[in-house]
Amino acid sequence: MRYFMTMLLILFATCSLSAKTIQSEFDYDFNKERMIVDHGEIFLISSLHNEDGVTVYNFNGQRLWEARFHAKIISWNVQPDVVLIFSKDRYGFSTFITCLDRFTGRVLWERP
């Protein structure tokens, strides 16, 4: 019985460790809100192999603007005049907050 409990504990610890390793490699949560509909505009986050982006469409399907990031978008928020983006570099060493003009996608400011 003691052997069985020891093996079960080792198995549990190994599974927990491997789950944390996988999470750190793929820590971007794709279940987060990736689309926001706000005041007649559709804001989307897209991810490619080495960059993320925000693309904005109107309800007629016309693309209004697009902004690309060489960092992973972790969270974001659409406000009346700006879009705030929190991102981190692909290696996880630096984080950034970026403020975009809501109507043009132009970077207003960015801080590491």
PDB file of N, CA and C in Angstrom:
ATOM      1  N   MET A   1       0.819  -1.191   0.000  1.00  0.00           N
ATOM      2  CA  MET A   1       0.000   0.000   0.000  1.00  0.00           C
ATOM      3  C   MET A   1       0.868   1.264   0.000  1.00  0.00           C
ATOM      4  N   ARG A   2       1.942   1.220   0.795  1.00  0.00           N
ATOM      5  CA  ARG A   2       2.835   2.370   0.860  1.00  0.00           C
ATOM      6  C   ARG A   2       3.506   2.598  -0.503  1.00  0.00           C
ATOM      7  N   TYR A   3       3.898   1.514  -1.176  1.00  0.00           N
ATOM      8  CA  TYR A   3       4.493   1.607  -2.502  1.00  0.00           C
ATOM      9  C   TYR A   3       3.511   2.260  -3.478  1.00  0.00           C
ATOM     10  N   PHE A   4       2.263   1.835  -3.422  1.00  0.00           N
ATOM     11  CA  PHE A   4       1.231   2.375  -4.298  1.00  0.00           C
ATOM     12  C   PHE A   4       1.056   3.879  -4.060  1.00  0.00           C
ATOM     13  N   MET A   5       1.011   4.316  -2.813  1.00  0.00           N
ATOM     14  CA  MET A   5       0.854   5.733  -2.491  1.00  0.00           C
ATOM     15  C   MET A   5       2.064   6.540  -2.963  1.00  0.00           C
ATOM     16  N   THR A   6       3.266   5.985  -2.801  1.00  0.00           N
ATOM     17  CA  THR A   6       4.473   6.661  -3.260  1.00  0.00           C
ATOM     18  C   THR A   6       4.457   6.826  -4.777  1.00  0.00           C
ATOM     19  N   MET A   7       4.086   5.787  -5.498  1.00  0.00           N
ATOM     20  CA  MET A   7       4.026   5.856  -6.961  1.00  0.00           C
ATOM     21  C   MET A   7       2.958   6.850  -7.420  1.00  0.00           C
ATOM     22  N   LEU A   8       1.842   6.882  -6.737  1.00  0.00           N
ATOM     23  CA  LEU A   8       0.782   7.820  -7.065  1.00  0.00           C
ATOM     24  C   LEU A   8       1.254   9.256  -6.860  1.00  0.00           C
ATOM     25  N   LEU A   9       1.967   9.510  -5.776  1.00  0.00           N
ATOM     26  CA  LEU A   9       2.510  10.833  -5.491  1.00  0.00           C
ATOM     27  C   LEU A   9       3.522  11.243  -6.563  1.00  0.00           C
ATOM     28  N   ILE A  10       4.392  10.334  -6.979  1.00  0.00           N
ATOM     29  CA  ILE A  10       5.373  10.622  -8.030  1.00  0.00           C
ATOM     30  C   ILE A  10       4.670  10.924  -9.347  1.00  0.00           C
ATOM     31  N   LEU A  11       3.668  10.157  -9.670  1.00  0.00           N
ATOM     32  CA  LEU A  11       2.913  10.372 -10.909  1.00  0.00           C
ATOM     33  C   LEU A  11       2.233  11.734 -10.889  1.00  0.00           C
ATOM     34  N   PHE A  12       1.616  12.085  -9.774  1.00  0.00           N
ATOM     35  CA  PHE A  12       0.954  13.374  -9.644  1.00  0.00           C
ATOM     36  C   PHE A  12       1.950  14.521  -9.795  1.00  0.00           C
ATOM     37  N   ALA A  13       3.106  14.423  -9.150  1.00  0.00           N
ATOM     38  CA  ALA A  13       4.129  15.465  -9.230  1.00  0.00           C
ATOM     39  C   ALA A  13       4.645  15.605 -10.657  1.00  0.00           C
ATOM     40  N   THR A  14       4.849  14.489 -11.352  1.00  0.00           N
ATOM     41  CA  THR A  14       5.330  14.522 -12.733  1.00  0.00           C
ATOM     42  C   THR A  14       4.305  15.181 -13.650  1.00  0.00           C
ATOM     43  N   CYS A  15       3.042  14.840 -13.470  1.00  0.00           N
ATOM     44  CA  CYS A  15       1.987  15.437 -14.296  1.00  0.00           C
ATOM     45  C   CYS A  15       1.894  16.934 -14.052  1.00  0.00           C
ATOM     46  N   SER A  16       1.999  17.363 -12.816  1.00  0.00           N
ATOM     47  CA  SER A  16       1.937  18.790 -12.494  1.00  0.00           C
ATOM     48  C   SER A  16       3.105  19.527 -13.115  1.00  0.00           C
ATOM     49  N   LEU A  17       4.299  18.964 -13.049  1.00  0.00           N
ATOM     50  CA  LEU A  17       5.481  19.580 -13.616  1.00  0.00           C
ATOM     51  C   LEU A  17       5.365  19.691 -15.123  1.00  0.00           C
ATOM     52  N   SER A  18       4.923  18.631 -15.788  1.00  0.00           N
ATOM     53  CA  SER A  18       4.810  18.684 -17.239  1.00  0.00           C
ATOM     54  C   SER A  18       3.718  19.647 -17.673  1.00  0.00           C
ATOM     55  N   ALA A  19       2.642  19.766 -16.907  1.00  0.00           N
ATOM     56  CA  ALA A  19       1.588  20.728 -17.246  1.00  0.00           C
ATOM     57  C   ALA A  19       2.110  22.147 -17.138  1.00  0.00           C
ATOM     58  N   LYS A  20       2.933  22.429 -16.112  1.00  0.00           N
ATOM     59  CA  LYS A  20       3.506  23.765 -15.979  1.00  0.00           C
ATOM     60  C   LYS A  20       4.481  24.050 -17.104  1.00  0.00           C
ATOM     61  N   THR A  21       5.248  23.070 -17.539  1.00  0.00           N
ATOM     62  CA  THR A  21       6.172  23.261 -18.649  1.00  0.00           C
ATOM     63  C   THR A  21       5.415  23.587 -19.918  1.00  0.00           C
ATOM     64  N   ILE A  22       4.362  22.854 -20.207  1.00  0.00           N
ATOM     65  CA  ILE A  22       3.567  23.120 -21.399  1.00  0.00           C
ATOM     66  C   ILE A  22       2.928  24.495 -21.307  1.00  0.00           C
ATOM     67  N   GLN A  23       2.421  24.876 -20.141  1.00  0.00           N
ATOM     68  CA  GLN A  23       1.792  26.171 -19.989  1.00  0.00           C
ATOM     69  C   GLN A  23       2.799  27.290 -20.221  1.00  0.00           C
ATOM     70  N   SER A  24       4.035  27.138 -19.746  1.00  0.00           N
ATOM     71  CA  SER A  24       5.017  28.195 -19.942  1.00  0.00           C
ATOM     72  C   SER A  24       5.412  28.332 -21.412  1.00  0.00           C
ATOM     73  N   GLU A  25       5.413  27.241 -22.167  1.00  0.00           N
ATOM     74  CA  GLU A  25       5.738  27.322 -23.582  1.00  0.00           C
ATOM     75  C   GLU A  25       4.602  27.948 -24.370  1.00  0.00           C
ATOM     76  N   PHE A  26       3.384  27.666 -24.000  1.00  0.00           N
ATOM     77  CA  PHE A  26       2.217  28.154 -24.718  1.00  0.00           C
ATOM     78  C   PHE A  26       1.328  28.929 -23.754  1.00  0.00           C
ATOM     79  N   ASP A  27       1.886  29.970 -23.115  1.00  0.00           N
ATOM     80  CA  ASP A  27       1.149  30.625 -22.044  1.00  0.00           C
ATOM     81  C   ASP A  27       0.122  31.624 -22.541  1.00  0.00           C
ATOM     82  N   TYR A  28       0.040  31.851 -23.834  1.00  0.00           N
ATOM     83  CA  TYR A  28      -0.998  32.731 -24.338  1.00  0.00           C
ATOM     84  C   TYR A  28      -2.319  31.980 -24.289  1.00  0.00           C
ATOM     85  N   ASP A  29      -3.297  32.528 -23.585  1.00  0.00           N
ATOM     86  CA  ASP A  29      -4.585  31.872 -23.389  1.00  0.00           C
ATOM     87  C   ASP A  29      -5.511  32.240 -24.539  1.00  0.00           C
ATOM     88  N   PHE A  30      -5.674  31.335 -25.498  1.00  0.00           N
ATOM     89  CA  PHE A  30      -6.499  31.618 -26.659  1.00  0.00           C
ATOM     90  C   PHE A  30      -7.982  31.631 -26.330  1.00  0.00           C
ATOM     91  N   ASN A  31      -8.347  31.304 -25.095  1.00  0.00           N
ATOM     92  CA  ASN A  31      -9.745  31.390 -24.691  1.00  0.00           C
ATOM     93  C   ASN A  31     -10.111  32.783 -24.206  1.00  0.00           C
ATOM     94  N   LYS A  32      -9.140  33.673 -24.117  1.00  0.00           N
ATOM     95  CA  LYS A  32      -9.438  35.040 -23.711  1.00  0.00           C
ATOM     96  C   LYS A  32     -10.275  35.711 -24.789  1.00  0.00           C
ATOM     97  N   GLU A  33     -10.847  36.816 -24.444  1.00  0.00           N
ATOM     98  CA  GLU A  33     -11.669  37.574 -25.376  1.00  0.00           C
ATOM     99  C   GLU A  33     -10.807  38.018 -26.559  1.00  0.00           C
ATOM    100  N   ARG A  34     -11.093  37.497 -27.743  1.00  0.00           N
ATOM    101  CA  ARG A  34     -10.300  37.812 -28.924  1.00  0.00           C
ATOM    102  C   ARG A  34     -11.081  38.689 -29.891  1.00  0.00           C
ATOM    103  N   MET A  35     -12.347  39.000 -29.531  1.00  0.00           N
ATOM    104  CA  MET A  35     -13.156  39.877 -30.362  1.00  0.00           C
ATOM    105  C   MET A  35     -13.998  40.766 -29.452  1.00  0.00           C
ATOM    106  N   ILE A  36     -14.000  42.052 -29.740  1.00  0.00           N
ATOM    107  CA  ILE A  36     -14.837  43.007 -29.023  1.00  0.00           C
ATOM    108  C   ILE A  36     -15.653  43.766 -30.056  1.00  0.00           C
ATOM    109  N   VAL A  37     -16.951  43.831 -29.860  1.00  0.00           N
ATOM    110  CA  VAL A  37     -17.829  44.631 -30.707  1.00  0.00           C
ATOM    111  C   VAL A  37     -18.191  45.872 -29.910  1.00  0.00           C
ATOM    112  N   ASP A  38     -17.865  47.039 -30.462  1.00  0.00           N
ATOM    113  CA  ASP A  38     -18.062  48.267 -29.710  1.00  0.00           C
ATOM    114  C   ASP A  38     -18.429  49.413 -30.642  1.00  0.00           C
ATOM    115  N   HIS A  39     -19.585  49.970 -30.466  1.00  0.00           N
ATOM    116  CA  HIS A  39     -20.049  51.160 -31.189  1.00  0.00           C
ATOM    117  C   HIS A  39     -19.902  51.039 -32.702  1.00  0.00           C
ATOM    118  N   GLY A  40     -20.371  49.964 -33.268  1.00  0.00           N
ATOM    119  CA  GLY A  40     -20.365  49.818 -34.716  1.00  0.00           C
ATOM    120  C   GLY A  40     -19.056  49.348 -35.298  1.00  0.00           C
ATOM    121  N   GLU A  41     -18.125  48.945 -34.464  1.00  0.00           N
ATOM    122  CA  GLU A  41     -16.840  48.448 -34.953  1.00  0.00           C
ATOM    123  C   GLU A  41     -16.541  47.101 -34.320  1.00  0.00           C
ATOM    124  N   ILE A  42     -15.819  46.280 -35.068  1.00  0.00           N
ATOM    125  CA  ILE A  42     -15.442  44.942 -34.616  1.00  0.00           C
ATOM    126  C   ILE A  42     -13.929  44.927 -34.453  1.00  0.00           C
ATOM    127  N   PHE A  43     -13.465  44.712 -33.238  1.00  0.00           N
ATOM    128  CA  PHE A  43     -12.038  44.658 -32.931  1.00  0.00           C
ATOM    129  C   PHE A  43     -11.643  43.196 -32.773  1.00  0.00           C
ATOM    130  N   LEU A  44     -10.624  42.760 -33.517  1.00  0.00           N
ATOM    131  CA  LEU A  44     -10.182  41.368 -33.482  1.00  0.00           C
ATOM    132  C   LEU A  44      -8.700  41.291 -33.163  1.00  0.00           C
ATOM    133  N   ILE A  45      -8.317  40.291 -32.377  1.00  0.00           N
ATOM    134  CA  ILE A  45      -6.898  39.974 -32.190  1.00  0.00           C
ATOM    135  C   ILE A  45      -6.599  38.750 -33.027  1.00  0.00           C
ATOM    136  N   SER A  46      -5.540  38.834 -33.814  1.00  0.00           N
ATOM    137  CA  SER A  46      -5.093  37.678 -34.587  1.00  0.00           C
ATOM    138  C   SER A  46      -3.668  37.351 -34.191  1.00  0.00           C
ATOM    139  N   SER A  47      -3.315  36.097 -34.295  1.00  0.00           N
ATOM    140  CA  SER A  47      -1.969  35.653 -33.951  1.00  0.00           C
ATOM    141  C   SER A  47      -1.367  34.916 -35.125  1.00  0.00           C
ATOM    142  N   LEU A  48      -0.155  35.288 -35.458  1.00  0.00           N
ATOM    143  CA  LEU A  48       0.623  34.578 -36.457  1.00  0.00           C
ATOM    144  C   LEU A  48       1.813  33.955 -35.741  1.00  0.00           C
ATOM    145  N   HIS A  49       2.679  33.310 -36.480  1.00  0.00           N
ATOM    146  CA  HIS A  49       3.805  32.599 -35.862  1.00  0.00           C
ATOM    147  C   HIS A  49       4.674  33.525 -35.017  1.00  0.00           C
ATOM    148  N   ASN A  50       5.000  34.708 -35.524  1.00  0.00           N
ATOM    149  CA  ASN A  50       5.940  35.556 -34.797  1.00  0.00           C
ATOM    150  C   ASN A  50       5.393  36.937 -34.471  1.00  0.00           C
ATOM    151  N   GLU A  51       4.075  37.162 -34.665  1.00  0.00           N
ATOM    152  CA  GLU A  51       3.515  38.453 -34.305  1.00  0.00           C
ATOM    153  C   GLU A  51       2.013  38.352 -34.064  1.00  0.00           C
ATOM    154  N   ASP A  52       1.513  39.239 -33.239  1.00  0.00           N
ATOM    155  CA  ASP A  52       0.081  39.366 -33.002  1.00  0.00           C
ATOM    156  C   ASP A  52      -0.373  40.684 -33.612  1.00  0.00           C
ATOM    157  N   GLY A  53      -1.655  40.821 -33.783  1.00  0.00           N
ATOM    158  CA  GLY A  53      -2.157  42.055 -34.353  1.00  0.00           C
ATOM    159  C   GLY A  53      -3.577  42.348 -33.937  1.00  0.00           C
ATOM    160  N   VAL A  54      -3.946  43.604 -34.075  1.00  0.00           N
ATOM    161  CA  VAL A  54      -5.309  44.049 -33.862  1.00  0.00           C
ATOM    162  C   VAL A  54      -5.814  44.549 -35.208  1.00  0.00           C
ATOM    163  N   THR A  55      -6.969  44.049 -35.627  1.00  0.00           N
ATOM    164  CA  THR A  55      -7.594  44.474 -36.869  1.00  0.00           C
ATOM    165  C   THR A  55      -9.003  44.949 -36.545  1.00  0.00           C
ATOM    166  N   VAL A  56      -9.391  46.070 -37.142  1.00  0.00           N
ATOM    167  CA  VAL A  56     -10.702  46.651 -36.874  1.00  0.00           C
ATOM    168  C   VAL A  56     -11.502  46.710 -38.167  1.00  0.00           C
ATOM    169  N   TYR A  57     -12.737  46.222 -38.096  1.00  0.00           N
ATOM    170  CA  TYR A  57     -13.673  46.237 -39.224  1.00  0.00           C
ATOM    171  C   TYR A  57     -14.925  47.003 -38.824  1.00  0.00           C
ATOM    172  N   ASN A  58     -15.626  47.548 -39.826  1.00  0.00           N
ATOM    173  CA  ASN A  58     -16.959  48.079 -39.545  1.00  0.00           C
ATOM    174  C   ASN A  58     -17.971  46.969 -39.801  1.00  0.00           C
ATOM    175  N   PHE A  59     -19.244  47.244 -39.562  1.00  0.00           N
ATOM    176  CA  PHE A  59     -20.261  46.205 -39.706  1.00  0.00           C
ATOM    177  C   PHE A  59     -20.530  45.827 -41.163  1.00  0.00           C
ATOM    178  N   ASN A  60     -19.991  46.589 -42.115  1.00  0.00           N
ATOM    179  CA  ASN A  60     -20.105  46.223 -43.526  1.00  0.00           C
ATOM    180  C   ASN A  60     -18.961  45.329 -43.986  1.00  0.00           C
ATOM    181  N   GLY A  61     -18.058  44.989 -43.070  1.00  0.00           N
ATOM    182  CA  GLY A  61     -16.940  44.116 -43.404  1.00  0.00           C
ATOM    183  C   GLY A  61     -15.737  44.840 -43.965  1.00  0.00           C
ATOM    184  N   GLN A  62     -15.767  46.168 -43.974  1.00  0.00           N
ATOM    185  CA  GLN A  62     -14.635  46.954 -44.475  1.00  0.00           C
ATOM    186  C   GLN A  62     -13.574  47.068 -43.381  1.00  0.00           C
ATOM    187  N   ARG A  63     -12.332  46.731 -43.723  1.00  0.00           N
ATOM    188  CA  ARG A  63     -11.240  46.864 -42.758  1.00  0.00           C
ATOM    189  C   ARG A  63     -10.914  48.333 -42.589  1.00  0.00           C
ATOM    190  N   LEU A  64     -10.938  48.802 -41.340  1.00  0.00           N
ATOM    191  CA  LEU A  64     -10.665  50.204 -41.059  1.00  0.00           C
ATOM    192  C   LEU A  64      -9.184  50.456 -40.783  1.00  0.00           C
ATOM    193  N   TRP A  65      -8.558  49.575 -40.006  1.00  0.00           N
ATOM    194  CA  TRP A  65      -7.128  49.675 -39.754  1.00  0.00           C
ATOM    195  C   TRP A  65      -6.612  48.386 -39.146  1.00  0.00           C
ATOM    196  N   GLU A  66      -5.288  48.268 -39.150  1.00  0.00           N
ATOM    197  CA  GLU A  66      -4.630  47.089 -38.586  1.00  0.00           C
ATOM    198  C   GLU A  66      -3.329  47.532 -37.941  1.00  0.00           C
ATOM    199  N   ALA A  67      -3.015  46.960 -36.790  1.00  0.00           N
ATOM    200  CA  ALA A  67      -1.751  47.238 -36.095  1.00  0.00           C
ATOM    201  C   ALA A  67      -1.109  45.902 -35.744  1.00  0.00           C
ATOM    202  N   ARG A  68       0.162  45.730 -36.077  1.00  0.00           N
ATOM    203  CA  ARG A  68       0.895  44.493 -35.819  1.00  0.00           C
ATOM    204  C   ARG A  68       1.890  44.699 -34.686  1.00  0.00           C
ATOM    205  N   PHE A  69       2.085  43.631 -33.894  1.00  0.00           N
ATOM    206  CA  PHE A  69       3.009  43.644 -32.761  1.00  0.00           C
ATOM    207  C   PHE A  69       3.943  42.447 -32.887  1.00  0.00           C
ATOM    208  N   HIS A  70       5.231  42.668 -32.625  1.00  0.00           N
ATOM    209  CA  HIS A  70       6.171  41.545 -32.599  1.00  0.00           C
ATOM    210  C   HIS A  70       6.220  40.947 -31.200  1.00  0.00           C
ATOM    211  N   ALA A  71       5.271  41.322 -30.376  1.00  0.00           N
ATOM    212  CA  ALA A  71       5.130  40.777 -29.026  1.00  0.00           C
ATOM    213  C   ALA A  71       3.779  40.077 -28.939  1.00  0.00           C
ATOM    214  N   LYS A  72       3.628  39.225 -27.945  1.00  0.00           N
ATOM    215  CA  LYS A  72       2.366  38.515 -27.737  1.00  0.00           C
ATOM    216  C   LYS A  72       1.413  39.420 -26.970  1.00  0.00           C
ATOM    217  N   ILE A  73       0.207  39.573 -27.473  1.00  0.00           N
ATOM    218  CA  ILE A  73      -0.797  40.373 -26.782  1.00  0.00           C
ATOM    219  C   ILE A  73      -1.356  39.523 -25.638  1.00  0.00           C
ATOM    220  N   ILE A  74      -1.228  40.038 -24.434  1.00  0.00           N
ATOM    221  CA  ILE A  74      -1.675  39.325 -23.241  1.00  0.00           C
ATOM    222  C   ILE A  74      -3.080  39.772 -22.850  1.00  0.00           C
ATOM    223  N   SER A  75      -3.312  41.071 -22.882  1.00  0.00           N
ATOM    224  CA  SER A  75      -4.647  41.586 -22.601  1.00  0.00           C
ATOM    225  C   SER A  75      -4.815  42.903 -23.341  1.00  0.00           C
ATOM    226  N   TRP A  76      -6.078  43.321 -23.447  1.00  0.00           N
ATOM    227  CA  TRP A  76      -6.353  44.553 -24.160  1.00  0.00           C
ATOM    228  C   TRP A  76      -7.691  45.100 -23.729  1.00  0.00           C
ATOM    229  N   ASN A  77      -7.903  46.391 -24.028  1.00  0.00           N
ATOM    230  CA  ASN A  77      -9.133  47.047 -23.625  1.00  0.00           C
ATOM    231  C   ASN A  77      -9.436  48.154 -24.623  1.00  0.00           C
ATOM    232  N   VAL A  78     -10.685  48.226 -25.071  1.00  0.00           N
ATOM    233  CA  VAL A  78     -11.116  49.259 -25.998  1.00  0.00           C
ATOM    234  C   VAL A  78     -11.829  50.339 -25.197  1.00  0.00           C
ATOM    235  N   GLN A  79     -11.348  51.563 -25.310  1.00  0.00           N
ATOM    236  CA  GLN A  79     -11.932  52.719 -24.636  1.00  0.00           C
ATOM    237  C   GLN A  79     -12.508  53.659 -25.699  1.00  0.00           C
ATOM    238  N   PRO A  80     -13.202  54.740 -25.292  1.00  0.00           N
ATOM    239  CA  PRO A  80     -13.834  55.619 -26.291  1.00  0.00           C
ATOM    240  C   PRO A  80     -12.869  56.190 -27.339  1.00  0.00           C
ATOM    241  N   ASP A  81     -11.646  56.546 -26.955  1.00  0.00           N
ATOM    242  CA  ASP A  81     -10.719  57.154 -27.913  1.00  0.00           C
ATOM    243  C   ASP A  81      -9.444  56.361 -28.145  1.00  0.00           C
ATOM    244  N   VAL A  82      -9.183  55.354 -27.324  1.00  0.00           N
ATOM    245  CA  VAL A  82      -7.924  54.616 -27.423  1.00  0.00           C
ATOM    246  C   VAL A  82      -8.155  53.121 -27.268  1.00  0.00           C
ATOM    247  N   VAL A  83      -7.163  52.347 -27.715  1.00  0.00           N
ATOM    248  CA  VAL A  83      -7.106  50.911 -27.474  1.00  0.00           C
ATOM    249  C   VAL A  83      -5.823  50.667 -26.692  1.00  0.00           C
ATOM    250  N   LEU A  84      -5.938  50.070 -25.508  1.00  0.00           N
ATOM    251  CA  LEU A  84      -4.780  49.789 -24.673  1.00  0.00           C
ATOM    252  C   LEU A  84      -4.403  48.329 -24.819  1.00  0.00           C
ATOM    253  N   ILE A  85      -3.131  48.070 -25.101  1.00  0.00           N
ATOM    254  CA  ILE A  85      -2.618  46.721 -25.341  1.00  0.00           C
ATOM    255  C   ILE A  85      -1.517  46.428 -24.331  1.00  0.00           C
ATOM    256  N   PHE A  86      -1.640  45.314 -23.617  1.00  0.00           N
ATOM    257  CA  PHE A  86      -0.561  44.833 -22.755  1.00  0.00           C
ATOM    258  C   PHE A  86       0.039  43.623 -23.456  1.00  0.00           C
ATOM    259  N   SER A  87       1.347  43.642 -23.676  1.00  0.00           N
ATOM    260  CA  SER A  87       1.996  42.558 -24.421  1.00  0.00           C
ATOM    261  C   SER A  87       3.348  42.246 -23.799  1.00  0.00           C
ATOM    262  N   LYS A  88       3.903  41.086 -24.192  1.00  0.00           N
ATOM    263  CA  LYS A  88       5.259  40.742 -23.763  1.00  0.00           C
ATOM    264  C   LYS A  88       6.005  40.159 -24.955  1.00  0.00           C
ATOM    265  N   ASP A  89       7.336  40.341 -24.925  1.00  0.00           N
ATOM    266  CA  ASP A  89       8.126  39.839 -26.045  1.00  0.00           C
ATOM    267  C   ASP A  89       8.052  38.318 -26.103  1.00  0.00           C
ATOM    268  N   ARG A  90       8.459  37.765 -27.219  1.00  0.00           N
ATOM    269  CA  ARG A  90       8.322  36.327 -27.459  1.00  0.00           C
ATOM    270  C   ARG A  90       9.137  35.474 -26.488  1.00  0.00           C
ATOM    271  N   TYR A  91      10.154  36.076 -25.860  1.00  0.00           N
ATOM    272  CA  TYR A  91      10.987  35.330 -24.917  1.00  0.00           C
ATOM    273  C   TYR A  91      10.520  35.519 -23.481  1.00  0.00           C
ATOM    274  N   GLY A  92       9.553  36.418 -23.252  1.00  0.00           N
ATOM    275  CA  GLY A  92       8.986  36.617 -21.927  1.00  0.00           C
ATOM    276  C   GLY A  92       9.815  37.484 -21.002  1.00  0.00           C
ATOM    277  N   PHE A  93      10.801  38.221 -21.542  1.00  0.00           N
ATOM    278  CA  PHE A  93      11.665  39.023 -20.686  1.00  0.00           C
ATOM    279  C   PHE A  93      11.165  40.450 -20.498  1.00  0.00           C
ATOM    280  N   SER A  94      10.490  40.999 -21.484  1.00  0.00           N
ATOM    281  CA  SER A  94      10.035  42.384 -21.427  1.00  0.00           C
ATOM    282  C   SER A  94       8.529  42.459 -21.634  1.00  0.00           C
ATOM    283  N   THR A  95       7.897  43.373 -20.932  1.00  0.00           N
ATOM    284  CA  THR A  95       6.476  43.620 -21.125  1.00  0.00           C
ATOM    285  C   THR A  95       6.295  45.046 -21.613  1.00  0.00           C
ATOM    286  N   PHE A  96       5.199  45.280 -22.298  1.00  0.00           N
ATOM    287  CA  PHE A  96       4.926  46.594 -22.868  1.00  0.00           C
ATOM    288  C   PHE A  96       3.458  46.940 -22.664  1.00  0.00           C
ATOM    289  N   ILE A  97       3.192  48.221 -22.509  1.00  0.00           N
ATOM    290  CA  ILE A  97       1.827  48.709 -22.626  1.00  0.00           C
ATOM    291  C   ILE A  97       1.842  49.713 -23.774  1.00  0.00           C
ATOM    292  N   THR A  98       0.916  49.527 -24.689  1.00  0.00           N
ATOM    293  CA  THR A  98       0.859  50.351 -25.890  1.00  0.00           C
ATOM    294  C   THR A  98      -0.520  50.987 -25.966  1.00  0.00           C
ATOM    295  N   CYS A  99      -0.539  52.252 -26.309  1.00  0.00           N
ATOM    296  CA  CYS A  99      -1.785  52.985 -26.464  1.00  0.00           C
ATOM    297  C   CYS A  99      -1.941  53.343 -27.944  1.00  0.00           C
ATOM    298  N   LEU A 100      -3.012  52.841 -28.560  1.00  0.00           N
ATOM    299  CA  LEU A 100      -3.292  53.108 -29.972  1.00  0.00           C
ATOM    300  C   LEU A 100      -4.466  54.066 -30.094  1.00  0.00           C
ATOM    301  N   ASP A 101      -4.428  54.906 -31.125  1.00  0.00           N
ATOM    302  CA  ASP A 101      -5.590  55.720 -31.456  1.00  0.00           C
ATOM    303  C   ASP A 101      -6.692  54.785 -31.927  1.00  0.00           C
ATOM    304  N   ARG A 102      -7.848  54.886 -31.353  1.00  0.00           N
ATOM    305  CA  ARG A 102      -8.947  53.968 -31.661  1.00  0.00           C
ATOM    306  C   ARG A 102      -9.411  54.075 -33.116  1.00  0.00           C
ATOM    307  N   PHE A 103      -9.275  55.230 -33.716  1.00  0.00           N
ATOM    308  CA  PHE A 103      -9.844  55.458 -35.040  1.00  0.00           C
ATOM    309  C   PHE A 103      -8.848  55.244 -36.178  1.00  0.00           C
ATOM    310  N   THR A 104      -7.539  55.279 -35.871  1.00  0.00           N
ATOM    311  CA  THR A 104      -6.535  55.122 -36.926  1.00  0.00           C
ATOM    312  C   THR A 104      -5.581  53.956 -36.694  1.00  0.00           C
ATOM    313  N   GLY A 105      -5.446  53.500 -35.450  1.00  0.00           N
ATOM    314  CA  GLY A 105      -4.500  52.451 -35.119  1.00  0.00           C
ATOM    315  C   GLY A 105      -3.080  52.961 -34.904  1.00  0.00           C
ATOM    316  N   ARG A 106      -2.900  54.257 -35.001  1.00  0.00           N
ATOM    317  CA  ARG A 106      -1.579  54.867 -34.820  1.00  0.00           C
ATOM    318  C   ARG A 106      -1.149  54.717 -33.356  1.00  0.00           C
ATOM    319  N   VAL A 107       0.122  54.369 -33.144  1.00  0.00           N
ATOM    320  CA  VAL A 107       0.668  54.260 -31.780  1.00  0.00           C
ATOM    321  C   VAL A 107       0.798  55.652 -31.197  1.00  0.00           C
ATOM    322  N   LEU A 108       0.099  55.892 -30.088  1.00  0.00           N
ATOM    323  CA  LEU A 108       0.192  57.182 -29.403  1.00  0.00           C
ATOM    324  C   LEU A 108       1.360  57.185 -28.436  1.00  0.00           C
ATOM    325  N   TRP A 109       1.539  56.085 -27.725  1.00  0.00           N
ATOM    326  CA  TRP A 109       2.694  55.919 -26.841  1.00  0.00           C
ATOM    327  C   TRP A 109       2.856  54.449 -26.508  1.00  0.00           C
ATOM    328  N   GLU A 110       4.080  54.143 -26.070  1.00  0.00           N
ATOM    329  CA  GLU A 110       4.396  52.766 -25.653  1.00  0.00           C
ATOM    330  C   GLU A 110       5.427  52.841 -24.537  1.00  0.00           C
ATOM    331  N   ARG A 111       5.230  52.017 -23.515  1.00  0.00           N
ATOM    332  CA  ARG A 111       6.164  51.975 -22.389  1.00  0.00           C
ATOM    333  C   ARG A 111       6.590  50.533 -22.135  1.00  0.00           C
ATOM    334  N   PRO A 112       7.890  50.335 -21.901  1.00  0.00           N
ATOM    335  CA  PRO A 112       8.363  48.983 -21.561  1.00  0.00           C
ATOM    336  C   PRO A 112       8.003  48.611 -20.144  1.00  0.00           C
TER     337      PRO A 112
END
